[in-house]
Amino acid sequence: MFLCDDFLPNQNTQVDDLANILRSDCGGKMIEPDEYDEHQIDLEVHWVGNGSRNTVVKSCFVAYGNEASLGELYGQVNLIVKVGKKGSRI
C-alpha cells in the first residue's frame, strides 16, 4: 500500500516494478507491503478511524500479457497528519 502525492499517469507499457514508479513519478511512500513485495516500508502510519466508502476510488484497465484481461486498481483519499512528540507540538 502506498501514499502518493499524485496519480499514476496512464501507462501504455508494461510495468515491471510498480513500487519504484510510484516512488519516482508520484512521490509515493510505501506504508504497508503486500505479501509479494520485497521493498522496505518508507513511512510508518497509525490509522485512526476506518475511513468511509465515499473516499474509495476504483479504476479499471486492460492488462496485457499472454491474453488481454481486465485489471482493477483501487485508491482511497486520506488525510495524513504528522504529529510530533508530546510537548513539542505547536
PDB file of N, CA and C in Angstrom:
ATOM      1  N   MET A   1       0.851  -1.154   0.000  1.00  0.00           N
ATOM      2  CA  MET A   1       0.000   0.000   0.000  1.00  0.00           C
ATOM      3  C   MET A   1       0.908   1.231   0.000  1.00  0.00           C
ATOM      4  N   PHE A   2       0.559   2.195  -0.835  1.00  0.00           N
ATOM      5  CA  PHE A   2       1.340   3.412  -0.987  1.00  0.00           C
ATOM      6  C   PHE A   2       0.511   4.653  -0.701  1.00  0.00           C
ATOM      7  N   LEU A   3       1.144   5.675  -0.158  1.00  0.00           N
ATOM      8  CA  LEU A   3       0.596   7.024  -0.105  1.00  0.00           C
ATOM      9  C   LEU A   3       1.320   7.809  -1.188  1.00  0.00           C
ATOM     10  N   CYS A   4       0.551   8.506  -2.045  1.00  0.00           N
ATOM     11  CA  CYS A   4       1.146   9.235  -3.158  1.00  0.00           C
ATOM     12  C   CYS A   4       0.653  10.669  -3.191  1.00  0.00           C
ATOM     13  N   ASP A   5       1.514  11.553  -3.684  1.00  0.00           N
ATOM     14  CA  ASP A   5       1.169  12.962  -3.857  1.00  0.00           C
ATOM     15  C   ASP A   5       0.413  13.205  -5.154  1.00  0.00           C
ATOM     16  N   ASP A   6       0.484  12.263  -6.086  1.00  0.00           N
ATOM     17  CA  ASP A   6      -0.092  12.453  -7.407  1.00  0.00           C
ATOM     18  C   ASP A   6      -0.638  11.120  -7.911  1.00  0.00           C
ATOM     19  N   PHE A   7      -1.423  11.190  -8.977  1.00  0.00           N
ATOM     20  CA  PHE A   7      -1.966   9.989  -9.591  1.00  0.00           C
ATOM     21  C   PHE A   7      -0.929   9.362 -10.510  1.00  0.00           C
ATOM     22  N   LEU A   8      -1.010   8.072 -10.674  1.00  0.00           N
ATOM     23  CA  LEU A   8      -0.152   7.357 -11.608  1.00  0.00           C
ATOM     24  C   LEU A   8      -0.584   7.719 -13.018  1.00  0.00           C
ATOM     25  N   PRO A   9       0.329   8.229 -13.858  1.00  0.00           N
ATOM     26  CA  PRO A   9      -0.066   8.574 -15.226  1.00  0.00           C
ATOM     27  C   PRO A   9      -0.432   7.316 -16.005  1.00  0.00           C
ATOM     28  N   ASN A  10      -1.206   7.494 -17.067  1.00  0.00           N
ATOM     29  CA  ASN A  10      -1.567   6.351 -17.913  1.00  0.00           C
ATOM     30  C   ASN A  10      -0.300   5.717 -18.453  1.00  0.00           C
ATOM     31  N   GLN A  11      -0.168   4.441 -18.248  1.00  0.00           N
ATOM     32  CA  GLN A  11       0.996   3.701 -18.712  1.00  0.00           C
ATOM     33  C   GLN A  11       0.580   2.837 -19.897  1.00  0.00           C
ATOM     34  N   ASN A  12       1.207   3.049 -21.033  1.00  0.00           N
ATOM     35  CA  ASN A  12       0.936   2.212 -22.200  1.00  0.00           C
ATOM     36  C   ASN A  12       1.991   1.141 -22.357  1.00  0.00           C
ATOM     37  N   THR A  13       2.843   0.998 -21.374  1.00  0.00           N
ATOM     38  CA  THR A  13       3.894   0.000 -21.407  1.00  0.00           C
ATOM     39  C   THR A  13       3.759  -0.911 -20.200  1.00  0.00           C
ATOM     40  N   GLN A  14       4.439  -2.032 -20.268  1.00  0.00           N
ATOM     41  CA  GLN A  14       4.407  -2.982 -19.155  1.00  0.00           C
ATOM     42  C   GLN A  14       5.187  -2.408 -17.983  1.00  0.00           C
ATOM     43  N   VAL A  15       4.658  -2.562 -16.799  1.00  0.00           N
ATOM     44  CA  VAL A  15       5.304  -2.061 -15.583  1.00  0.00           C
ATOM     45  C   VAL A  15       5.948  -3.236 -14.862  1.00  0.00           C
ATOM     46  N   ASP A  16       7.273  -3.181 -14.736  1.00  0.00           N
ATOM     47  CA  ASP A  16       7.982  -4.265 -14.066  1.00  0.00           C
ATOM     48  C   ASP A  16       8.090  -4.039 -12.565  1.00  0.00           C
ATOM     49  N   ASP A  17       8.219  -2.791 -12.156  1.00  0.00           N
ATOM     50  CA  ASP A  17       8.391  -2.500 -10.735  1.00  0.00           C
ATOM     51  C   ASP A  17       7.516  -1.310 -10.362  1.00  0.00           C
ATOM     52  N   LEU A  18       6.267  -1.574 -10.022  1.00  0.00           N
ATOM     53  CA  LEU A  18       5.309  -0.529  -9.702  1.00  0.00           C
ATOM     54  C   LEU A  18       5.761   0.299  -8.509  1.00  0.00           C
ATOM     55  N   ALA A  19       6.375  -0.320  -7.528  1.00  0.00           N
ATOM     56  CA  ALA A  19       6.821   0.404  -6.336  1.00  0.00           C
ATOM     57  C   ALA A  19       7.780   1.522  -6.707  1.00  0.00           C
ATOM     58  N   ASN A  20       8.755   1.254  -7.565  1.00  0.00           N
ATOM     59  CA  ASN A  20       9.718   2.287  -7.953  1.00  0.00           C
ATOM     60  C   ASN A  20       9.069   3.384  -8.781  1.00  0.00           C
ATOM     61  N   ILE A  21       8.104   3.048  -9.628  1.00  0.00           N
ATOM     62  CA  ILE A  21       7.396   4.055 -10.421  1.00  0.00           C
ATOM     63  C   ILE A  21       6.573   4.950  -9.505  1.00  0.00           C
ATOM     64  N   LEU A  22       5.883   4.363  -8.526  1.00  0.00           N
ATOM     65  CA  LEU A  22       5.100   5.167  -7.587  1.00  0.00           C
ATOM     66  C   LEU A  22       6.002   6.101  -6.790  1.00  0.00           C
ATOM     67  N   ARG A  23       7.177   5.616  -6.403  1.00  0.00           N
ATOM     68  CA  ARG A  23       8.103   6.457  -5.646  1.00  0.00           C
ATOM     69  C   ARG A  23       8.664   7.589  -6.512  1.00  0.00           C
ATOM     70  N   SER A  24       9.121   7.265  -7.719  1.00  0.00           N
ATOM     71  CA  SER A  24       9.808   8.268  -8.534  1.00  0.00           C
ATOM     72  C   SER A  24       8.853   9.228  -9.231  1.00  0.00           C
ATOM     73  N   ASP A  25       7.718   8.753  -9.736  1.00  0.00           N
ATOM     74  CA  ASP A  25       6.822   9.592 -10.538  1.00  0.00           C
ATOM     75  C   ASP A  25       5.684  10.217  -9.737  1.00  0.00           C
ATOM     76  N   CYS A  26       5.327   9.635  -8.601  1.00  0.00           N
ATOM     77  CA  CYS A  26       4.149  10.094  -7.865  1.00  0.00           C
ATOM     78  C   CYS A  26       4.448  10.529  -6.434  1.00  0.00           C
ATOM     79  N   GLY A  27       5.715  10.580  -6.058  1.00  0.00           N
ATOM     80  CA  GLY A  27       6.056  10.953  -4.683  1.00  0.00           C
ATOM     81  C   GLY A  27       5.571   9.932  -3.673  1.00  0.00           C
ATOM     82  N   GLY A  28       5.474   8.667  -4.088  1.00  0.00           N
ATOM     83  CA  GLY A  28       4.898   7.623  -3.254  1.00  0.00           C
ATOM     84  C   GLY A  28       5.783   7.179  -2.106  1.00  0.00           C
ATOM     85  N   LYS A  29       5.141   6.807  -1.025  1.00  0.00           N
ATOM     86  CA  LYS A  29       5.815   6.223   0.137  1.00  0.00           C
ATOM     87  C   LYS A  29       5.060   4.952   0.516  1.00  0.00           C
ATOM     88  N   MET A  30       5.792   3.848   0.610  1.00  0.00           N
ATOM     89  CA  MET A  30       5.165   2.587   0.987  1.00  0.00           C
ATOM     90  C   MET A  30       4.841   2.616   2.469  1.00  0.00           C
ATOM     91  N   ILE A  31       3.572   2.325   2.792  1.00  0.00           N
ATOM     92  CA  ILE A  31       3.170   2.309   4.195  1.00  0.00           C
ATOM     93  C   ILE A  31       2.829   0.896   4.657  1.00  0.00           C
ATOM     94  N   GLU A  32       2.635  -0.007   3.702  1.00  0.00           N
ATOM     95  CA  GLU A  32       2.311  -1.390   4.059  1.00  0.00           C
ATOM     96  C   GLU A  32       2.629  -2.275   2.854  1.00  0.00           C
ATOM     97  N   PRO A  33       3.574  -3.220   2.992  1.00  0.00           N
ATOM     98  CA  PRO A  33       3.898  -4.091   1.861  1.00  0.00           C
ATOM     99  C   PRO A  33       2.820  -5.151   1.667  1.00  0.00           C
ATOM    100  N   ASP A  34       2.670  -5.602   0.423  1.00  0.00           N
ATOM    101  CA  ASP A  34       1.785  -6.746   0.219  1.00  0.00           C
ATOM    102  C   ASP A  34       2.611  -8.017   0.413  1.00  0.00           C
ATOM    103  N   GLU A  35       1.988  -9.154   0.297  1.00  0.00           N
ATOM    104  CA  GLU A  35       2.670 -10.415   0.622  1.00  0.00           C
ATOM    105  C   GLU A  35       3.798 -10.754  -0.339  1.00  0.00           C
ATOM    106  N   TYR A  36       3.810 -10.133  -1.537  1.00  0.00           N
ATOM    107  CA  TYR A  36       4.830 -10.434  -2.536  1.00  0.00           C
ATOM    108  C   TYR A  36       5.903  -9.364  -2.635  1.00  0.00           C
ATOM    109  N   ASP A  37       5.803  -8.302  -1.859  1.00  0.00           N
ATOM    110  CA  ASP A  37       6.688  -7.154  -2.005  1.00  0.00           C
ATOM    111  C   ASP A  37       7.948  -7.339  -1.192  1.00  0.00           C
ATOM    112  N   GLU A  38       9.079  -7.026  -1.822  1.00  0.00           N
ATOM    113  CA  GLU A  38      10.370  -7.135  -1.146  1.00  0.00           C
ATOM    114  C   GLU A  38      10.919  -5.775  -0.740  1.00  0.00           C
ATOM    115  N   HIS A  39      10.191  -4.686  -1.030  1.00  0.00           N
ATOM    116  CA  HIS A  39      10.647  -3.343  -0.710  1.00  0.00           C
ATOM    117  C   HIS A  39      10.417  -3.038   0.765  1.00  0.00           C
ATOM    118  N   GLN A  40      11.171  -2.056   1.256  1.00  0.00           N
ATOM    119  CA  GLN A  40      11.063  -1.635   2.650  1.00  0.00           C
ATOM    120  C   GLN A  40       9.975  -0.577   2.803  1.00  0.00           C
ATOM    121  N   ILE A  41       9.361  -0.535   3.977  1.00  0.00           N
ATOM    122  CA  ILE A  41       8.367   0.489   4.294  1.00  0.00           C
ATOM    123  C   ILE A  41       9.079   1.837   4.409  1.00  0.00           C
ATOM    124  N   ASP A  42       8.491   2.882   3.791  1.00  0.00           N
ATOM    125  CA  ASP A  42       9.076   4.219   3.818  1.00  0.00           C
ATOM    126  C   ASP A  42       8.515   5.082   4.936  1.00  0.00           C
ATOM    127  N   LEU A  43       7.282   4.795   5.366  1.00  0.00           N
ATOM    128  CA  LEU A  43       6.606   5.667   6.316  1.00  0.00           C
ATOM    129  C   LEU A  43       5.700   4.824   7.215  1.00  0.00           C
ATOM    130  N   GLU A  44       5.861   4.994   8.525  1.00  0.00           N
ATOM    131  CA  GLU A  44       5.009   4.279   9.477  1.00  0.00           C
ATOM    132  C   GLU A  44       3.740   5.100   9.718  1.00  0.00           C
ATOM    133  N   VAL A  45       2.596   4.464   9.558  1.00  0.00           N
ATOM    134  CA  VAL A  45       1.310   5.148   9.697  1.00  0.00           C
ATOM    135  C   VAL A  45       0.484   4.445  10.768  1.00  0.00           C
ATOM    136  N   HIS A  46      -0.118   5.226  11.656  1.00  0.00           N
ATOM    137  CA  HIS A  46      -1.037   4.713  12.666  1.00  0.00           C
ATOM    138  C   HIS A  46      -2.427   5.212  12.274  1.00  0.00           C
ATOM    139  N   TRP A  47      -3.304   4.315  11.909  1.00  0.00           N
ATOM    140  CA  TRP A  47      -4.627   4.689  11.408  1.00  0.00           C
ATOM    141  C   TRP A  47      -5.566   5.041  12.559  1.00  0.00           C
ATOM    142  N   VAL A  48      -6.349   6.088  12.373  1.00  0.00           N
ATOM    143  CA  VAL A  48      -7.373   6.497  13.325  1.00  0.00           C
ATOM    144  C   VAL A  48      -8.689   6.482  12.560  1.00  0.00           C
ATOM    145  N   GLY A  49      -9.599   5.613  12.933  1.00  0.00           N
ATOM    146  CA  GLY A  49     -10.871   5.501  12.205  1.00  0.00           C
ATOM    147  C   GLY A  49     -10.760   4.515  11.058  1.00  0.00           C
ATOM    148  N   ASN A  50     -11.897   4.172  10.497  1.00  0.00           N
ATOM    149  CA  ASN A  50     -11.949   3.161   9.444  1.00  0.00           C
ATOM    150  C   ASN A  50     -12.201   3.727   8.055  1.00  0.00           C
ATOM    151  N   GLY A  51     -12.255   5.043   7.917  1.00  0.00           N
ATOM    152  CA  GLY A  51     -12.500   5.628   6.609  1.00  0.00           C
ATOM    153  C   GLY A  51     -13.968   5.561   6.241  1.00  0.00           C
ATOM    154  N   SER A  52     -14.232   5.871   5.009  1.00  0.00           N
ATOM    155  CA  SER A  52     -15.599   5.932   4.521  1.00  0.00           C
ATOM    156  C   SER A  52     -15.645   5.408   3.105  1.00  0.00           C
ATOM    157  N   ARG A  53     -16.752   4.837   2.712  1.00  0.00           N
ATOM    158  CA  ARG A  53     -16.872   4.345   1.333  1.00  0.00           C
ATOM    159  C   ARG A  53     -16.910   5.499   0.342  1.00  0.00           C
ATOM    160  N   ASN A  54     -17.152   6.727   0.825  1.00  0.00           N
ATOM    161  CA  ASN A  54     -17.166   7.898  -0.044  1.00  0.00           C
ATOM    162  C   ASN A  54     -15.775   8.329  -0.478  1.00  0.00           C
ATOM    163  N   THR A  55     -14.738   7.786   0.123  1.00  0.00           N
ATOM    164  CA  THR A  55     -13.372   8.170  -0.221  1.00  0.00           C
ATOM    165  C   THR A  55     -12.665   7.137  -1.088  1.00  0.00           C
ATOM    166  N   VAL A  56     -13.348   6.068  -1.487  1.00  0.00           N
ATOM    167  CA  VAL A  56     -12.742   4.989  -2.255  1.00  0.00           C
ATOM    168  C   VAL A  56     -12.981   5.194  -3.745  1.00  0.00           C
ATOM    169  N   VAL A  57     -11.924   4.955  -4.545  1.00  0.00           N
ATOM    170  CA  VAL A  57     -12.000   5.080  -5.996  1.00  0.00           C
ATOM    171  C   VAL A  57     -11.555   3.764  -6.619  1.00  0.00           C
ATOM    172  N   LYS A  58     -12.287   3.295  -7.622  1.00  0.00           N
ATOM    173  CA  LYS A  58     -11.934   2.074  -8.343  1.00  0.00           C
ATOM    174  C   LYS A  58     -11.759   2.427  -9.813  1.00  0.00           C
ATOM    175  N   SER A  59     -10.646   1.995 -10.415  1.00  0.00           N
ATOM    176  CA  SER A  59     -10.387   2.225 -11.833  1.00  0.00           C
ATOM    177  C   SER A  59     -10.116   0.892 -12.506  1.00  0.00           C
ATOM    178  N   CYS A  60     -10.660   0.710 -13.693  1.00  0.00           N
ATOM    179  CA  CYS A  60     -10.437  -0.499 -14.473  1.00  0.00           C
ATOM    180  C   CYS A  60      -9.491  -0.185 -15.627  1.00  0.00           C
ATOM    181  N   PHE A  61      -8.701  -1.162 -16.021  1.00  0.00           N
ATOM    182  CA  PHE A  61      -7.779  -1.002 -17.140  1.00  0.00           C
ATOM    183  C   PHE A  61      -7.602  -2.347 -17.828  1.00  0.00           C
ATOM    184  N   VAL A  62      -7.110  -2.311 -19.064  1.00  0.00           N
ATOM    185  CA  VAL A  62      -6.833  -3.538 -19.800  1.00  0.00           C
ATOM    186  C   VAL A  62      -5.388  -3.910 -19.525  1.00  0.00           C
ATOM    187  N   ALA A  63      -5.175  -5.107 -19.006  1.00  0.00           N
ATOM    188  CA  ALA A  63      -3.836  -5.611 -18.713  1.00  0.00           C
ATOM    189  C   ALA A  63      -3.434  -6.566 -19.841  1.00  0.00           C
ATOM    190  N   TYR A  64      -2.225  -6.395 -20.347  1.00  0.00           N
ATOM    191  CA  TYR A  64      -1.749  -7.234 -21.444  1.00  0.00           C
ATOM    192  C   TYR A  64      -0.709  -8.208 -20.932  1.00  0.00           C
ATOM    193  N   GLY A  65      -0.731  -9.378 -21.483  1.00  0.00           N
ATOM    194  CA  GLY A  65       0.223 -10.435 -21.192  1.00  0.00           C
ATOM    195  C   GLY A  65       0.065 -11.447 -22.307  1.00  0.00           C
ATOM    196  N   ASN A  66      -0.032 -12.715 -21.971  1.00  0.00           N
ATOM    197  CA  ASN A  66      -0.336 -13.712 -22.999  1.00  0.00           C
ATOM    198  C   ASN A  66      -1.743 -13.508 -23.535  1.00  0.00           C
ATOM    199  N   GLU A  67      -2.629 -13.030 -22.690  1.00  0.00           N
ATOM    200  CA  GLU A  67      -4.004 -12.701 -23.087  1.00  0.00           C
ATOM    201  C   GLU A  67      -4.380 -11.380 -22.429  1.00  0.00           C
ATOM    202  N   ALA A  68      -5.135 -10.572 -23.158  1.00  0.00           N
ATOM    203  CA  ALA A  68      -5.620  -9.332 -22.555  1.00  0.00           C
ATOM    204  C   ALA A  68      -6.654  -9.679 -21.488  1.00  0.00           C
ATOM    205  N   SER A  69      -6.620  -8.968 -20.384  1.00  0.00           N
ATOM    206  CA  SER A  69      -7.588  -9.192 -19.318  1.00  0.00           C
ATOM    207  C   SER A  69      -7.915  -7.848 -18.667  1.00  0.00           C
ATOM    208  N   LEU A  70      -8.991  -7.817 -17.951  1.00  0.00           N
ATOM    209  CA  LEU A  70      -9.398  -6.598 -17.263  1.00  0.00           C
ATOM    210  C   LEU A  70      -8.769  -6.571 -15.875  1.00  0.00           C
ATOM    211  N   GLY A  71      -8.054  -5.497 -15.572  1.00  0.00           N
ATOM    212  CA  GLY A  71      -7.449  -5.331 -14.262  1.00  0.00           C
ATOM    213  C   GLY A  71      -8.141  -4.199 -13.517  1.00  0.00           C
ATOM    214  N   GLU A  72      -7.908  -4.140 -12.228  1.00  0.00           N
ATOM    215  CA  GLU A  72      -8.539  -3.108 -11.395  1.00  0.00           C
ATOM    216  C   GLU A  72      -7.503  -2.509 -10.449  1.00  0.00           C
ATOM    217  N   LEU A  73      -7.605  -1.208 -10.261  1.00  0.00           N
ATOM    218  CA  LEU A  73      -6.812  -0.502  -9.267  1.00  0.00           C
ATOM    219  C   LEU A  73      -7.766   0.169  -8.300  1.00  0.00           C
ATOM    220  N   TYR A  74      -7.430   0.159  -7.035  1.00  0.00           N
ATOM    221  CA  TYR A  74      -8.257   0.798  -6.021  1.00  0.00           C
ATOM    222  C   TYR A  74      -7.453   1.887  -5.349  1.00  0.00           C
ATOM    223  N   GLY A  75      -8.105   2.951  -4.994  1.00  0.00           N
ATOM    224  CA  GLY A  75      -7.460   4.039  -4.282  1.00  0.00           C
ATOM    225  C   GLY A  75      -8.390   4.566  -3.216  1.00  0.00           C
ATOM    226  N   GLN A  76      -7.829   5.296  -2.280  1.00  0.00           N
ATOM    227  CA  GLN A  76      -8.634   5.885  -1.223  1.00  0.00           C
ATOM    228  C   GLN A  76      -8.005   7.213  -0.825  1.00  0.00           C
ATOM    229  N   VAL A  77      -8.826   8.219  -0.686  1.00  0.00           N
ATOM    230  CA  VAL A  77      -8.363   9.529  -0.261  1.00  0.00           C
ATOM    231  C   VAL A  77      -8.301   9.541   1.264  1.00  0.00           C
ATOM    232  N   ASN A  78      -7.160   9.962   1.801  1.00  0.00           N
ATOM    233  CA  ASN A  78      -6.962  10.006   3.251  1.00  0.00           C
ATOM    234  C   ASN A  78      -6.306  11.318   3.644  1.00  0.00           C
ATOM    235  N   LEU A  79      -6.586  11.769   4.833  1.00  0.00           N
ATOM    236  CA  LEU A  79      -5.914  12.928   5.405  1.00  0.00           C
ATOM    237  C   LEU A  79      -4.797  12.396   6.293  1.00  0.00           C
ATOM    238  N   ILE A  80      -3.567  12.777   5.970  1.00  0.00           N
ATOM    239  CA  ILE A  80      -2.411  12.318   6.726  1.00  0.00           C
ATOM    240  C   ILE A  80      -1.873  13.498   7.525  1.00  0.00           C
ATOM    241  N   VAL A  81      -1.717  13.318   8.826  1.00  0.00           N
ATOM    242  CA  VAL A  81      -1.262  14.383   9.713  1.00  0.00           C
ATOM    243  C   VAL A  81      -0.033  13.891  10.465  1.00  0.00           C
ATOM    244  N   LYS A  82       1.015  14.690  10.415  1.00  0.00           N
ATOM    245  CA  LYS A  82       2.221  14.356  11.168  1.00  0.00           C
ATOM    246  C   LYS A  82       2.099  14.999  12.545  1.00  0.00           C
ATOM    247  N   VAL A  83       2.231  14.179  13.590  1.00  0.00           N
ATOM    248  CA  VAL A  83       2.084  14.655  14.969  1.00  0.00           C
ATOM    249  C   VAL A  83       3.436  14.472  15.657  1.00  0.00           C
ATOM    250  N   GLY A  84       3.942  15.563  16.225  1.00  0.00           N
ATOM    251  CA  GLY A  84       5.218  15.498  16.929  1.00  0.00           C
ATOM    252  C   GLY A  84       5.068  14.892  18.319  1.00  0.00           C
ATOM    253  N   LYS A  85       6.182  14.797  19.010  1.00  0.00           N
ATOM    254  CA  LYS A  85       6.187  14.256  20.365  1.00  0.00           C
ATOM    255  C   LYS A  85       5.474  15.214  21.305  1.00  0.00           C
ATOM    256  N   LYS A  86       4.943  14.653  22.371  1.00  0.00           N
ATOM    257  CA  LYS A  86       4.246  15.464  23.376  1.00  0.00           C
ATOM    258  C   LYS A  86       5.196  16.534  23.916  1.00  0.00           C
ATOM    259  N   GLY A  87       4.697  17.774  24.009  1.00  0.00           N
ATOM    260  CA  GLY A  87       5.496  18.884  24.476  1.00  0.00           C
ATOM    261  C   GLY A  87       6.164  19.673  23.363  1.00  0.00           C
ATOM    262  N   SER A  88       6.312  19.057  22.189  1.00  0.00           N
ATOM    263  CA  SER A  88       6.931  19.770  21.058  1.00  0.00           C
ATOM    264  C   SER A  88       5.917  20.134  19.997  1.00  0.00           C
ATOM    265  N   ARG A  89       4.636  19.845  20.239  1.00  0.00           N
ATOM    266  CA  ARG A  89       3.586  20.151  19.271  1.00  0.00           C
ATOM    267  C   ARG A  89       3.228  21.623  19.339  1.00  0.00           C
ATOM    268  N   ILE A  90       2.889  22.190  18.199  1.00  0.00           N
ATOM    269  CA  ILE A  90       2.514  23.608  18.137  1.00  0.00           C
ATOM    270  C   ILE A  90       1.036  23.751  18.396  1.00  0.00           C
TER     271      ILE A  90
END
